[in-house]
């Protein structure tokens, strides 16, 4: 019996990355929309930095040697 498979170009890692990044963006919009930035400035700053770090790591992966990439992203606390 032959099953037809969908031509799905996205891996599980890509889907999880996109969902995580989208969740961080939604959280930032909620914090900005409800004017919670003044109430939780450090939490908001940490969410923004985490989203930027996630985006930078995705953009730089494969363009830098693995040792350099590890030195840039591993020492940062999450």
Protein backbone atom coordinates (compact mmCIF):
# COMPACT_ATOMS: atom_id res chain seq x y z
CA UNK A 1 0.00 0.00 0.00
CA UNK A 2 1.41 3.40 -0.97
CA UNK A 3 0.66 6.50 1.10
CA UNK A 4 0.92 9.99 -0.32
CA UNK A 5 2.85 12.38 1.91
CA UNK A 6 2.42 16.12 1.93
CA UNK A 7 5.29 18.20 0.63
CA UNK A 8 5.90 20.04 3.90
CA UNK A 9 9.16 21.97 3.71
CA UNK A 10 9.24 22.93 7.39
CA UNK A 11 10.94 20.80 10.02
CA UNK A 12 9.80 20.54 13.61
CA UNK A 13 12.65 22.83 14.68
CA UNK A 14 11.53 25.56 12.26
CA UNK A 15 7.92 25.29 13.39
CA UNK A 16 8.86 25.43 17.08
CA UNK A 17 11.17 28.40 16.45
CA UNK A 18 8.41 30.28 14.65
CA UNK A 19 5.87 29.54 17.38
CA UNK A 20 8.29 30.65 20.12
CA UNK A 21 9.14 33.87 18.31
CA UNK A 22 5.46 34.57 17.63
CA UNK A 23 4.62 33.99 21.30
CA UNK A 24 7.31 36.47 22.36
CA UNK A 25 5.97 39.05 19.91
CA UNK A 26 2.41 38.54 21.17
CA UNK A 27 3.61 38.96 24.75
CA UNK A 28 5.37 42.21 23.82
CA UNK A 29 2.24 43.52 22.10
CA UNK A 30 0.12 42.68 25.16
CA UNK A 31 2.62 44.38 27.47
CA UNK A 32 2.67 47.49 25.29
CA UNK A 33 -1.06 47.51 24.62
CA UNK A 34 -2.11 47.33 28.24
CA UNK A 35 0.53 49.84 29.35
CA UNK A 36 2.25 47.28 31.57
CA UNK A 37 5.73 48.44 30.54
CA UNK A 38 5.82 51.02 33.32
CA UNK A 39 4.70 48.47 35.87
CA UNK A 40 7.09 45.67 34.76
CA UNK A 41 10.08 47.36 33.12
CA UNK A 42 12.65 44.61 33.79
CA UNK A 43 10.34 41.83 32.64
CA UNK A 44 9.56 43.74 29.45
CA UNK A 45 13.24 44.41 28.80
CA UNK A 46 14.08 40.74 29.33
CA UNK A 47 11.37 39.66 26.86
CA UNK A 48 12.64 42.13 24.26
CA UNK A 49 16.24 40.96 24.72
CA UNK A 50 15.19 37.31 24.55
CA UNK A 51 13.31 37.92 21.28
CA UNK A 52 16.31 39.76 19.82
CA UNK A 53 18.67 37.00 20.91
CA UNK A 54 16.42 34.36 19.35
CA UNK A 55 16.25 36.31 16.10
CA UNK A 56 20.01 36.94 16.01
CA UNK A 57 20.83 33.31 16.65
CA UNK A 58 18.52 32.22 13.84
CA UNK A 59 19.99 34.71 11.39
CA UNK A 60 23.62 33.94 12.26
CA UNK A 61 23.31 30.15 12.38
CA UNK A 62 25.22 28.68 9.46
CA UNK A 63 26.97 31.95 8.66
CA UNK A 64 29.47 31.81 11.52
CA UNK A 65 31.73 28.96 12.62
CA UNK A 66 30.19 26.89 15.39
CA UNK A 67 32.92 27.86 17.90
CA UNK A 68 32.30 31.59 17.35
CA UNK A 69 28.56 31.14 17.49
CA UNK A 70 28.90 29.21 20.74
CA UNK A 71 31.09 31.92 22.25
CA UNK A 72 28.56 34.59 21.34
CA UNK A 73 25.36 32.89 22.49
CA UNK A 74 26.24 30.40 25.23
CA UNK A 75 27.61 32.79 27.91
CA UNK A 76 24.46 34.93 27.87
CA UNK A 77 22.06 34.12 30.70
CA UNK A 78 18.55 33.31 29.59
